[in-house]
Amino acid sequence: MPLAPSAAEPEQHSVQADLVAVLVAVTGGQPRILTTQAGETLPAGLFTANHRSLQASLRAWVETQTHHPLGFVEQLYTFADGDRSQELGMRAISISYLALTRELDDAGQAQSGWQDWYRYFPWEDWRSGAPAILDQRIAPALQAWAAQATGKAAAGARWERACVTFGLEDSDWNEELVLQRYELLFEAGLVAEAWRDGMRSPQGQTLLGTAMRNDHRRILATGMARLRAKIKYRPVVFELMADSFSLLQLQQTVESLAGRSLHKQNFRRLIEQQALVEETGEISSQGAGRPAKLFRFRRNVLVERAIAGNKLPLARS
């Protein structure tokens, strides 16, 4: 006979499921995410049974909020936030989605709440080379954390993990390890969310990046990593572009998402080889430079078509 739960271990019969959206746009060459609560949370809402699927529910809710139809939508993961479960008195789970949209409406206006995603992860922007925060703050803090390990071997393993994850010393930077980097900083107590979970804050330690409530920065990191991987083999980036665009604008959009600079000629050669775009016959007169040809995405290209190679043509210094 199964044992009944004891009074000290109450059984949780209720589950609250929230849909949490990582809504990404690129405006003026900067990656943007839609937030609520003064930038502290991602858009979220209770799941309702009014739609045939979770994705349909998300689309309806997001399109009501942003007044933009969503193109690419993909489920990320289901997260269980322990703090919220305790606060609500029931099991709270967050079903997260990544979706691409536009920040500006047809009139060129943007609703409030859009933020640069590098506000939350300043160490992820390598477009101008390694960010100063790595050498000035992150590397010393991780060295100190590694030294706190019990035993020389454990300390060495911690530092090796930090180097591989953050591209320190002779390790290469992998732009897709967004979540692993956040999780390591969390473990080392270098982000504010760690202290909410009962860790003891070090004296004088400045915490890194802008914090978010609940587990929303972890969800954002997951969405960033997924999109950085996705743009390498699926042409989802065109969901973020206007109907017509220059090749420079396209390159800047990809760079903003990847957080890496791209080799201009290699990038253009890749786009041409894949026949992903076609000329509109129009010329852009915006900007101070020479007028640029405008292109549009060839919608008849198979959406699942793989872009040649596994890596973006990243410029290496």
C-alpha atoms as a PDB file:
ATOM      1  CA  MET A   1       0.000   0.000   0.000  1.00  0.00           C
ATOM      2  CA  PRO A   2       1.460   3.410  -0.901  1.00  0.00           C
ATOM      3  CA  LEU A   3       2.333   5.612   2.029  1.00  0.00           C
ATOM      4  CA  ALA A   4       0.323   8.789   2.511  1.00  0.00           C
ATOM      5  CA  PRO A   5       2.313  12.040   2.512  1.00  0.00           C
ATOM      6  CA  SER A   6       3.247  13.196   6.004  1.00  0.00           C
ATOM      7  CA  ALA A   7       2.114  16.494   7.478  1.00  0.00           C
ATOM      8  CA  ALA A   8       5.665  17.758   7.151  1.00  0.00           C
ATOM      9  CA  GLU A   9       5.633  17.027   3.438  1.00  0.00           C
ATOM     10  CA  PRO A  10       2.387  18.450   2.025  1.00  0.00           C
ATOM     11  CA  GLU A  11       1.427  17.169  -1.380  1.00  0.00           C
ATOM     12  CA  GLN A  12       1.096  19.811  -4.085  1.00  0.00           C
ATOM     13  CA  HIS A  13      -2.011  19.110  -6.136  1.00  0.00           C
ATOM     14  CA  SER A  14      -2.061  22.358  -8.135  1.00  0.00           C
ATOM     15  CA  VAL A  15       0.239  23.442 -10.916  1.00  0.00           C
ATOM     16  CA  GLN A  16       0.377  26.940 -12.376  1.00  0.00           C
ATOM     17  CA  ALA A  17       1.723  27.052 -15.915  1.00  0.00           C
ATOM     18  CA  ASP A  18       2.933  30.339 -17.368  1.00  0.00           C
ATOM     19  CA  LEU A  19       3.899  31.000 -20.948  1.00  0.00           C
ATOM     20  CA  VAL A  20       7.090  33.077 -21.036  1.00  0.00           C
ATOM     21  CA  ALA A  21       8.180  34.651 -24.305  1.00  0.00           C
ATOM     22  CA  VAL A  22      11.662  35.636 -25.419  1.00  0.00           C
ATOM     23  CA  LEU A  23      10.592  38.113 -28.105  1.00  0.00           C
ATOM     24  CA  VAL A  24      13.526  39.260 -30.209  1.00  0.00           C
ATOM     25  CA  ALA A  25      13.788  42.164 -32.631  1.00  0.00           C
ATOM     26  CA  VAL A  26      16.772  43.949 -34.152  1.00  0.00           C
ATOM     27  CA  THR A  27      16.522  47.732 -34.397  1.00  0.00           C
ATOM     28  CA  GLY A  28      19.316  49.997 -35.582  1.00  0.00           C
ATOM     29  CA  GLY A  29      21.768  47.104 -35.529  1.00  0.00           C
ATOM     30  CA  GLN A  30      21.053  46.246 -31.882  1.00  0.00           C
ATOM     31  CA  PRO A  31      19.394  43.058 -30.570  1.00  0.00           C
ATOM     32  CA  ARG A  32      16.299  43.937 -28.579  1.00  0.00           C
ATOM     33  CA  ILE A  33      13.994  41.970 -26.301  1.00  0.00           C
ATOM     34  CA  LEU A  34      10.533  42.878 -25.078  1.00  0.00           C
ATOM     35  CA  THR A  35      10.314  43.125 -21.286  1.00  0.00           C
ATOM     36  CA  THR A  36       7.796  44.080 -18.620  1.00  0.00           C
ATOM     37  CA  GLN A  37       8.039  45.366 -15.044  1.00  0.00           C
ATOM     38  CA  ALA A  38      10.614  48.050 -15.907  1.00  0.00           C
ATOM     39  CA  GLY A  39      12.846  45.550 -17.671  1.00  0.00           C
ATOM     40  CA  GLU A  40      12.858  43.001 -14.836  1.00  0.00           C
ATOM     41  CA  THR A  41      10.724  40.306 -16.466  1.00  0.00           C
ATOM     42  CA  LEU A  42       9.992  38.798 -19.829  1.00  0.00           C
ATOM     43  CA  PRO A  43       6.418  38.929 -21.130  1.00  0.00           C
ATOM     44  CA  ALA A  44       4.466  36.159 -19.432  1.00  0.00           C
ATOM     45  CA  GLY A  45       0.868  35.110 -19.034  1.00  0.00           C
ATOM     46  CA  LEU A  46      -1.145  32.242 -17.688  1.00  0.00           C
ATOM     47  CA  PHE A  47      -1.819  29.435 -20.136  1.00  0.00           C
ATOM     48  CA  THR A  48      -5.479  29.175 -21.063  1.00  0.00           C
ATOM     49  CA  ALA A  49      -7.337  26.346 -22.723  1.00  0.00           C
ATOM     50  CA  ASN A  50      -8.947  28.656 -25.278  1.00  0.00           C
ATOM     51  CA  HIS A  51      -6.553  27.606 -28.032  1.00  0.00           C
ATOM     52  CA  ARG A  52      -5.754  24.291 -29.634  1.00  0.00           C
ATOM     53  CA  SER A  53      -2.087  24.384 -28.608  1.00  0.00           C
ATOM     54  CA  LEU A  54       0.433  26.184 -26.428  1.00  0.00           C
ATOM     55  CA  GLN A  55       1.964  27.823 -29.495  1.00  0.00           C
ATOM     56  CA  ALA A  56      -1.424  29.081 -30.680  1.00  0.00           C
ATOM     57  CA  SER A  57      -2.044  30.520 -27.228  1.00  0.00           C
ATOM     58  CA  LEU A  58       1.345  32.216 -27.270  1.00  0.00           C
ATOM     59  CA  ARG A  59       0.857  33.634 -30.771  1.00  0.00           C
ATOM     60  CA  ALA A  60      -2.528  35.106 -29.900  1.00  0.00           C
ATOM     61  CA  TRP A  61      -1.259  36.647 -26.688  1.00  0.00           C
ATOM     62  CA  VAL A  62       1.949  38.074 -28.192  1.00  0.00           C
ATOM     63  CA  GLU A  63       0.257  39.467 -31.288  1.00  0.00           C
ATOM     64  CA  THR A  64      -2.257  41.219 -29.047  1.00  0.00           C
ATOM     65  CA  GLN A  65       0.594  42.746 -27.049  1.00  0.00           C
ATOM     66  CA  THR A  66       2.921  43.726 -29.903  1.00  0.00           C
ATOM     67  CA  HIS A  67       0.432  44.273 -32.749  1.00  0.00           C
ATOM     68  CA  HIS A  68       2.815  42.305 -34.963  1.00  0.00           C
ATOM     69  CA  PRO A  69       2.237  38.864 -36.472  1.00  0.00           C
ATOM     70  CA  LEU A  70       4.875  36.396 -35.345  1.00  0.00           C
ATOM     71  CA  GLY A  71       6.935  34.550 -37.906  1.00  0.00           C
ATOM     72  CA  PHE A  72       9.366  32.078 -36.409  1.00  0.00           C
ATOM     73  CA  VAL A  73       8.232  30.604 -33.078  1.00  0.00           C
ATOM     74  CA  GLU A  74       9.955  27.746 -31.265  1.00  0.00           C
ATOM     75  CA  GLN A  75       9.527  26.231 -27.837  1.00  0.00           C
ATOM     76  CA  LEU A  76      12.601  26.395 -25.622  1.00  0.00           C
ATOM     77  CA  TYR A  77      12.313  24.520 -22.343  1.00  0.00           C
ATOM     78  CA  THR A  78      10.062  24.159 -19.337  1.00  0.00           C
ATOM     79  CA  PHE A  79      11.550  25.764 -16.237  1.00  0.00           C
ATOM     80  CA  ALA A  80      10.499  25.157 -12.635  1.00  0.00           C
ATOM     81  CA  ASP A  81      11.104  28.177 -10.421  1.00  0.00           C
ATOM     82  CA  GLY A  82      11.397  27.029  -6.813  1.00  0.00           C
ATOM     83  CA  ASP A  83      10.988  30.499  -5.320  1.00  0.00           C
ATOM     84  CA  ARG A  84       7.743  31.139  -7.184  1.00  0.00           C
ATOM     85  CA  SER A  85       6.415  27.707  -6.232  1.00  0.00           C
ATOM     86  CA  GLN A  86       6.928  28.543  -2.562  1.00  0.00           C
ATOM     87  CA  GLU A  87       5.432  32.004  -3.013  1.00  0.00           C
ATOM     88  CA  LEU A  88       2.310  30.722  -4.761  1.00  0.00           C
ATOM     89  CA  GLY A  89       1.829  27.650  -2.588  1.00  0.00           C
ATOM     90  CA  MET A  90       1.689  25.443  -5.683  1.00  0.00           C
ATOM     91  CA  ARG A  91       4.085  24.095  -8.277  1.00  0.00           C
ATOM     92  CA  ALA A  92       4.916  26.883 -10.742  1.00  0.00           C
ATOM     93  CA  ILE A  93       6.365  26.054 -14.132  1.00  0.00           C
ATOM     94  CA  SER A  94       7.320  28.329 -17.007  1.00  0.00           C
ATOM     95  CA  ILE A  95       6.907  27.065 -20.557  1.00  0.00           C
ATOM     96  CA  SER A  96       9.241  29.259 -22.573  1.00  0.00           C
ATOM     97  CA  TYR A  97       9.188  30.191 -26.249  1.00  0.00           C
ATOM     98  CA  LEU A  98      11.518  32.026 -28.597  1.00  0.00           C
ATOM     99  CA  ALA A  99       9.793  34.252 -31.149  1.00  0.00           C
ATOM    100  CA  LEU A 100      10.980  36.792 -33.708  1.00  0.00           C
ATOM    101  CA  THR A 101       9.089  40.010 -34.351  1.00  0.00           C
ATOM    102  CA  ARG A 102       9.582  43.738 -35.065  1.00  0.00           C
ATOM    103  CA  GLU A 103      10.020  46.455 -32.491  1.00  0.00           C
ATOM    104  CA  LEU A 104       8.550  49.224 -34.627  1.00  0.00           C
ATOM    105  CA  ASP A 105       5.009  49.194 -35.902  1.00  0.00           C
ATOM    106  CA  ASP A 106       3.956  50.307 -39.383  1.00  0.00           C
ATOM    107  CA  ALA A 107       4.021  53.928 -38.225  1.00  0.00           C
ATOM    108  CA  GLY A 108       7.600  53.571 -36.979  1.00  0.00           C
ATOM    109  CA  GLN A 109       6.568  53.654 -33.333  1.00  0.00           C
ATOM    110  CA  ALA A 110       7.704  51.230 -30.619  1.00  0.00           C
ATOM    111  CA  GLN A 111       5.848  50.280 -27.480  1.00  0.00           C
ATOM    112  CA  SER A 112       7.629  50.632 -24.156  1.00  0.00           C
ATOM    113  CA  GLY A 113       9.566  47.766 -22.666  1.00  0.00           C
ATOM    114  CA  TRP A 114      12.106  46.980 -25.375  1.00  0.00           C
ATOM    115  CA  GLN A 115      15.642  46.557 -24.042  1.00  0.00           C
ATOM    116  CA  ASP A 116      19.063  45.788 -25.509  1.00  0.00           C
ATOM    117  CA  TRP A 117      19.768  42.171 -24.559  1.00  0.00           C
ATOM    118  CA  TYR A 118      23.414  43.024 -23.844  1.00  0.00           C
ATOM    119  CA  ARG A 119      22.160  45.022 -20.876  1.00  0.00           C
ATOM    120  CA  TYR A 120      21.634  41.647 -19.193  1.00  0.00           C
ATOM    121  CA  PHE A 121      24.711  39.914 -20.635  1.00  0.00           C
ATOM    122  CA  PRO A 122      27.379  42.595 -21.322  1.00  0.00           C
ATOM    123  CA  TRP A 123      30.112  39.932 -21.624  1.00  0.00           C
ATOM    124  CA  GLU A 124      28.356  38.433 -24.684  1.00  0.00           C
ATOM    125  CA  ASP A 125      29.046  41.328 -27.089  1.00  0.00           C
ATOM    126  CA  TRP A 126      32.299  40.633 -28.969  1.00  0.00           C
ATOM    127  CA  ARG A 127      31.537  42.734 -32.045  1.00  0.00           C
ATOM    128  CA  SER A 128      34.429  45.073 -31.212  1.00  0.00           C
ATOM    129  CA  GLY A 129      36.609  42.357 -29.729  1.00  0.00           C
ATOM    130  CA  ALA A 130      36.714  40.915 -26.236  1.00  0.00           C
ATOM    131  CA  PRO A 131      34.660  43.169 -23.912  1.00  0.00           C
ATOM    132  CA  ALA A 132      36.618  44.896 -21.171  1.00  0.00           C
ATOM    133  CA  ILE A 133      34.418  43.352 -18.480  1.00  0.00           C
ATOM    134  CA  LEU A 134      36.056  39.980 -19.113  1.00  0.00           C
ATOM    135  CA  ASP A 135      39.582  40.964 -18.101  1.00  0.00           C
ATOM    136  CA  GLN A 136      38.605  43.661 -15.630  1.00  0.00           C
ATOM    137  CA  ARG A 137      35.950  41.865 -13.609  1.00  0.00           C
ATOM    138  CA  ILE A 138      34.942  38.376 -14.716  1.00  0.00           C
ATOM    139  CA  ALA A 139      38.348  36.695 -14.991  1.00  0.00           C
ATOM    140  CA  PRO A 140      39.611  37.948 -11.585  1.00  0.00           C
ATOM    141  CA  ALA A 141      36.320  37.013  -9.907  1.00  0.00           C
ATOM    142  CA  LEU A 142      36.379  33.516 -11.399  1.00  0.00           C
ATOM    143  CA  GLN A 143      40.020  33.077 -10.397  1.00  0.00           C
ATOM    144  CA  ALA A 144      39.087  33.940  -6.826  1.00  0.00           C
ATOM    145  CA  TRP A 145      36.142  31.531  -6.971  1.00  0.00           C
ATOM    146  CA  ALA A 146      38.360  28.756  -8.334  1.00  0.00           C
ATOM    147  CA  ALA A 147      40.891  29.311  -5.555  1.00  0.00           C
ATOM    148  CA  GLN A 148      38.151  28.766  -2.966  1.00  0.00           C
ATOM    149  CA  ALA A 149      37.756  25.134  -4.019  1.00  0.00           C
ATOM    150  CA  THR A 150      38.962  22.473  -1.621  1.00  0.00           C
ATOM    151  CA  GLY A 151      42.206  21.092  -2.937  1.00  0.00           C
ATOM    152  CA  LYS A 152      44.515  21.953  -5.806  1.00  0.00           C
ATOM    153  CA  ALA A 153      42.850  19.561  -8.255  1.00  0.00           C
ATOM    154  CA  ALA A 154      39.376  20.967  -7.611  1.00  0.00           C
ATOM    155  CA  ALA A 155      40.667  24.525  -7.968  1.00  0.00           C
ATOM    156  CA  GLY A 156      42.351  23.628 -11.257  1.00  0.00           C
ATOM    157  CA  ALA A 157      39.170  21.994 -12.565  1.00  0.00           C
ATOM    158  CA  ARG A 158      37.149  25.088 -11.705  1.00  0.00           C
ATOM    159  CA  TRP A 159      39.582  27.393 -13.485  1.00  0.00           C
ATOM    160  CA  GLU A 160      39.758  25.131 -16.536  1.00  0.00           C
ATOM    161  CA  ARG A 161      35.972  25.163 -16.747  1.00  0.00           C
ATOM    162  CA  ALA A 162      35.964  28.964 -16.475  1.00  0.00           C
ATOM    163  CA  CYS A 163      38.566  29.288 -19.238  1.00  0.00           C
ATOM    164  CA  VAL A 164      36.699  26.983 -21.630  1.00  0.00           C
ATOM    165  CA  THR A 165      33.353  28.631 -20.923  1.00  0.00           C
ATOM    166  CA  PHE A 166      34.537  32.248 -21.159  1.00  0.00           C
ATOM    167  CA  GLY A 167      37.302  31.870 -23.748  1.00  0.00           C
ATOM    168  CA  LEU A 168      40.037  32.818 -21.278  1.00  0.00           C
ATOM    169  CA  GLU A 169      43.757  32.240 -21.714  1.00  0.00           C
ATOM    170  CA  ASP A 170      44.173  30.123 -24.869  1.00  0.00           C
ATOM    171  CA  SER A 171      40.563  28.929 -25.146  1.00  0.00           C
ATOM    172  CA  ASP A 172      38.332  29.987 -28.027  1.00  0.00           C
ATOM    173  CA  TRP A 173      35.169  31.971 -27.426  1.00  0.00           C
ATOM    174  CA  ASN A 174      32.061  29.966 -28.320  1.00  0.00           C
ATOM    175  CA  GLU A 175      29.158  32.355 -28.843  1.00  0.00           C
ATOM    176  CA  GLU A 176      26.602  29.587 -28.265  1.00  0.00           C
ATOM    177  CA  LEU A 177      27.555  28.970 -24.602  1.00  0.00           C
ATOM    178  CA  VAL A 178      25.353  31.787 -23.304  1.00  0.00           C
ATOM    179  CA  LEU A 179      23.481  29.628 -20.788  1.00  0.00           C
ATOM    180  CA  GLN A 180      26.633  27.843 -19.580  1.00  0.00           C
ATOM    181  CA  ARG A 181      28.295  31.193 -18.891  1.00  0.00           C
ATOM    182  CA  TYR A 182      25.300  32.459 -16.952  1.00  0.00           C
ATOM    183  CA  GLU A 183      25.075  29.219 -14.968  1.00  0.00           C
ATOM    184  CA  LEU A 184      28.776  29.423 -14.091  1.00  0.00           C
ATOM    185  CA  LEU A 185      28.427  33.016 -12.892  1.00  0.00           C
ATOM    186  CA  PHE A 186      25.386  31.913 -10.877  1.00  0.00           C
ATOM    187  CA  GLU A 187      27.347  29.073  -9.297  1.00  0.00           C
ATOM    188  CA  ALA A 188      30.205  31.443  -8.479  1.00  0.00           C
ATOM    189  CA  GLY A 189      27.779  33.932  -6.921  1.00  0.00           C
ATOM    190  CA  LEU A 190      28.525  36.688  -9.424  1.00  0.00           C
ATOM    191  CA  VAL A 191      24.936  37.443 -10.478  1.00  0.00           C
ATOM    192  CA  ALA A 192      22.230  38.880  -8.249  1.00  0.00           C
ATOM    193  CA  GLU A 193      19.844  35.981  -8.793  1.00  0.00           C
ATOM    194  CA  ALA A 194      22.207  33.703  -6.851  1.00  0.00           C
ATOM    195  CA  TRP A 195      21.712  35.705  -3.658  1.00  0.00           C
ATOM    196  CA  ARG A 196      17.954  35.412  -3.882  1.00  0.00           C
ATOM    197  CA  ASP A 197      18.469  31.657  -3.723  1.00  0.00           C
ATOM    198  CA  GLY A 198      20.173  31.813  -0.343  1.00  0.00           C
ATOM    199  CA  MET A 199      23.842  32.219  -1.200  1.00  0.00           C
ATOM    200  CA  ARG A 200      25.899  34.659   0.817  1.00  0.00           C
ATOM    201  CA  SER A 201      27.058  37.721  -1.120  1.00  0.00           C
ATOM    202  CA  PRO A 202      30.823  38.410  -0.974  1.00  0.00           C
ATOM    203  CA  GLN A 203      31.906  41.640   0.613  1.00  0.00           C
ATOM    204  CA  GLY A 204      32.480  44.374  -1.957  1.00  0.00           C
ATOM    205  CA  GLN A 205      31.591  42.169  -4.915  1.00  0.00           C
ATOM    206  CA  THR A 206      29.881  44.004  -7.772  1.00  0.00           C
ATOM    207  CA  LEU A 207      27.363  41.691  -9.391  1.00  0.00           C
ATOM    208  CA  LEU A 208      27.346  41.337 -13.160  1.00  0.00           C
ATOM    209  CA  GLY A 209      24.691  42.389 -15.659  1.00  0.00           C
ATOM    210  CA  THR A 210      21.140  43.532 -14.983  1.00  0.00           C
ATOM    211  CA  ALA A 211      19.176  41.044 -12.907  1.00  0.00           C
ATOM    212  CA  MET A 212      15.695  39.769 -13.745  1.00  0.00           C
ATOM    213  CA  ARG A 213      12.973  38.364 -11.536  1.00  0.00           C
ATOM    214  CA  ASN A 214      12.221  34.686 -11.085  1.00  0.00           C
ATOM    215  CA  ASP A 215      14.243  32.621 -13.572  1.00  0.00           C
ATOM    216  CA  HIS A 216      13.745  35.001 -16.497  1.00  0.00           C
ATOM    217  CA  ARG A 217      17.436  35.796 -17.095  1.00  0.00           C
ATOM    218  CA  ARG A 218      18.111  32.060 -17.339  1.00  0.00           C
ATOM    219  CA  ILE A 219      15.261  31.788 -19.853  1.00  0.00           C
ATOM    220  CA  LEU A 220      16.659  34.736 -21.826  1.00  0.00           C
ATOM    221  CA  ALA A 221      20.104  33.099 -21.901  1.00  0.00           C
ATOM    222  CA  THR A 222      18.500  29.939 -23.270  1.00  0.00           C
ATOM    223  CA  GLY A 223      16.737  31.911 -26.000  1.00  0.00           C
ATOM    224  CA  MET A 224      19.901  33.778 -26.977  1.00  0.00           C
ATOM    225  CA  ALA A 225      21.874  30.550 -27.256  1.00  0.00           C
ATOM    226  CA  ARG A 226      19.148  28.879 -29.316  1.00  0.00           C
ATOM    227  CA  LEU A 227      18.943  31.801 -31.752  1.00  0.00           C
ATOM    228  CA  ARG A 228      22.716  32.059 -32.115  1.00  0.00           C
ATOM    229  CA  ALA A 229      22.802  28.406 -33.109  1.00  0.00           C
ATOM    230  CA  LYS A 230      19.725  28.643 -35.327  1.00  0.00           C
ATOM    231  CA  ILE A 231      20.980  31.493 -37.528  1.00  0.00           C
ATOM    232  CA  LYS A 232      23.888  29.306 -38.655  1.00  0.00           C
ATOM    233  CA  TYR A 233      21.746  26.767 -40.457  1.00  0.00           C
ATOM    234  CA  ARG A 234      18.294  28.269 -40.972  1.00  0.00           C
ATOM    235  CA  PRO A 235      17.525  31.650 -42.592  1.00  0.00           C
ATOM    236  CA  VAL A 236      15.407  32.804 -39.640  1.00  0.00           C
ATOM    237  CA  VAL A 237      17.260  36.119 -39.576  1.00  0.00           C
ATOM    238  CA  PHE A 238      15.054  37.302 -42.452  1.00  0.00           C
ATOM    239  CA  GLU A 239      12.089  37.252 -40.044  1.00  0.00           C
ATOM    240  CA  LEU A 240      13.747  40.270 -38.425  1.00  0.00           C
ATOM    241  CA  MET A 241      14.379  42.232 -41.603  1.00  0.00           C
ATOM    242  CA  ALA A 242      12.183  44.785 -43.332  1.00  0.00           C
ATOM    243  CA  ASP A 243      10.682  43.878 -46.705  1.00  0.00           C
ATOM    244  CA  SER A 244      13.746  45.408 -48.376  1.00  0.00           C
ATOM    245  CA  PHE A 245      17.203  45.864 -46.930  1.00  0.00           C
ATOM    246  CA  SER A 246      20.838  46.396 -47.851  1.00  0.00           C
ATOM    247  CA  LEU A 247      23.424  43.663 -47.450  1.00  0.00           C
ATOM    248  CA  LEU A 248      25.122  45.819 -44.820  1.00  0.00           C
ATOM    249  CA  GLN A 249      21.906  45.930 -42.788  1.00  0.00           C
ATOM    250  CA  LEU A 250      21.599  42.164 -43.099  1.00  0.00           C
ATOM    251  CA  GLN A 251      25.187  41.663 -41.961  1.00  0.00           C
ATOM    252  CA  GLN A 252      24.735  44.016 -39.009  1.00  0.00           C
ATOM    253  CA  THR A 253      21.634  42.103 -37.946  1.00  0.00           C
ATOM    254  CA  VAL A 254      23.476  38.791 -37.955  1.00  0.00           C
ATOM    255  CA  GLU A 255      26.426  40.353 -36.108  1.00  0.00           C
ATOM    256  CA  SER A 256      24.139  41.829 -33.459  1.00  0.00           C
ATOM    257  CA  LEU A 257      22.632  38.436 -32.694  1.00  0.00           C
ATOM    258  CA  ALA A 258      25.883  36.465 -32.827  1.00  0.00           C
ATOM    259  CA  GLY A 259      27.791  39.073 -30.851  1.00  0.00           C
ATOM    260  CA  ARG A 260      30.656  38.631 -33.302  1.00  0.00           C
ATOM    261  CA  SER A 261      31.967  40.574 -36.274  1.00  0.00           C
ATOM    262  CA  LEU A 262      31.688  38.983 -39.701  1.00  0.00           C
ATOM    263  CA  HIS A 263      34.087  39.070 -42.610  1.00  0.00           C
ATOM    264  CA  LYS A 264      32.278  41.298 -45.101  1.00  0.00           C
ATOM    265  CA  GLN A 265      33.292  39.565 -48.329  1.00  0.00           C
ATOM    266  CA  ASN A 266      32.867  36.052 -46.918  1.00  0.00           C
ATOM    267  CA  PHE A 267      29.421  36.962 -45.640  1.00  0.00           C
ATOM    268  CA  ARG A 268      28.284  38.377 -48.974  1.00  0.00           C
ATOM    269  CA  ARG A 269      29.741  35.421 -50.847  1.00  0.00           C
ATOM    270  CA  LEU A 270      27.814  33.048 -48.555  1.00  0.00           C
ATOM    271  CA  ILE A 271      24.530  34.882 -49.109  1.00  0.00           C
ATOM    272  CA  GLU A 272      25.047  34.895 -52.880  1.00  0.00           C
ATOM    273  CA  GLN A 273      25.992  31.202 -53.031  1.00  0.00           C
ATOM    274  CA  GLN A 274      22.846  30.224 -51.191  1.00  0.00           C
ATOM    275  CA  ALA A 275      20.631  32.417 -53.412  1.00  0.00           C
ATOM    276  CA  LEU A 276      18.782  33.621 -50.339  1.00  0.00           C
ATOM    277  CA  VAL A 277      18.157  37.158 -51.589  1.00  0.00           C
ATOM    278  CA  GLU A 278      17.361  38.953 -54.830  1.00  0.00           C
ATOM    279  CA  GLU A 279      17.711  42.575 -55.869  1.00  0.00           C
ATOM    280  CA  THR A 280      14.600  44.756 -55.690  1.00  0.00           C
ATOM    281  CA  GLY A 281      15.893  47.178 -58.318  1.00  0.00           C
ATOM    282  CA  GLU A 282      15.774  49.983 -55.760  1.00  0.00           C
ATOM    283  CA  ILE A 283      18.541  51.986 -54.111  1.00  0.00           C
ATOM    284  CA  SER A 284      18.711  53.132 -50.514  1.00  0.00           C
ATOM    285  CA  SER A 285      19.529  56.809 -50.013  1.00  0.00           C
ATOM    286  CA  GLN A 286      19.753  56.560 -46.219  1.00  0.00           C
ATOM    287  CA  GLY A 287      23.010  57.217 -44.426  1.00  0.00           C
ATOM    288  CA  ALA A 288      26.063  59.286 -45.261  1.00  0.00           C
ATOM    289  CA  GLY A 289      27.782  56.696 -47.446  1.00  0.00           C
ATOM    290  CA  ARG A 290      27.217  55.656 -51.019  1.00  0.00           C
ATOM    291  CA  PRO A 291      23.682  54.605 -51.979  1.00  0.00           C
ATOM    292  CA  ALA A 292      23.275  50.855 -51.508  1.00  0.00           C
ATOM    293  CA  LYS A 293      21.323  48.308 -53.508  1.00  0.00           C
ATOM    294  CA  LEU A 294      18.265  46.935 -51.773  1.00  0.00           C
ATOM    295  CA  PHE A 295      17.454  43.255 -51.579  1.00  0.00           C
ATOM    296  CA  ARG A 296      14.580  41.077 -50.418  1.00  0.00           C
ATOM    297  CA  PHE A 297      14.432  37.546 -49.086  1.00  0.00           C
ATOM    298  CA  ARG A 298      13.461  34.946 -51.683  1.00  0.00           C
ATOM    299  CA  ARG A 299      10.393  33.525 -50.008  1.00  0.00           C
ATOM    300  CA  ASN A 300      10.342  30.509 -52.274  1.00  0.00           C
ATOM    301  CA  VAL A 301      13.626  29.282 -50.782  1.00  0.00           C
ATOM    302  CA  LEU A 302      12.943  26.206 -48.714  1.00  0.00           C
ATOM    303  CA  VAL A 303      12.718  27.372 -45.095  1.00  0.00           C
ATOM    304  CA  GLU A 304      14.613  24.358 -43.857  1.00  0.00           C
ATOM    305  CA  ARG A 305      17.427  24.823 -46.351  1.00  0.00           C
ATOM    306  CA  ALA A 306      20.798  24.636 -44.637  1.00  0.00           C
ATOM    307  CA  ILE A 307      23.243  27.500 -45.017  1.00  0.00           C
ATOM    308  CA  ALA A 308      26.590  26.121 -46.167  1.00  0.00           C
ATOM    309  CA  GLY A 309      28.969  25.189 -43.384  1.00  0.00           C
ATOM    310  CA  ASN A 310      28.480  24.987 -39.641  1.00  0.00           C
ATOM    311  CA  LYS A 311      29.976  28.339 -38.714  1.00  0.00           C
ATOM    312  CA  LEU A 312      29.336  31.939 -39.577  1.00  0.00           C
ATOM    313  CA  PRO A 313      32.222  33.583 -41.481  1.00  0.00           C
ATOM    314  CA  LEU A 314      33.520  35.187 -38.297  1.00  0.00           C
ATOM    315  CA  ALA A 315      36.373  37.670 -38.509  1.00  0.00           C
ATOM    316  CA  ARG A 316      39.257  36.454 -36.348  1.00  0.00           C
ATOM    317  CA  SER A 317      41.769  38.860 -34.947  1.00  0.00           C
END
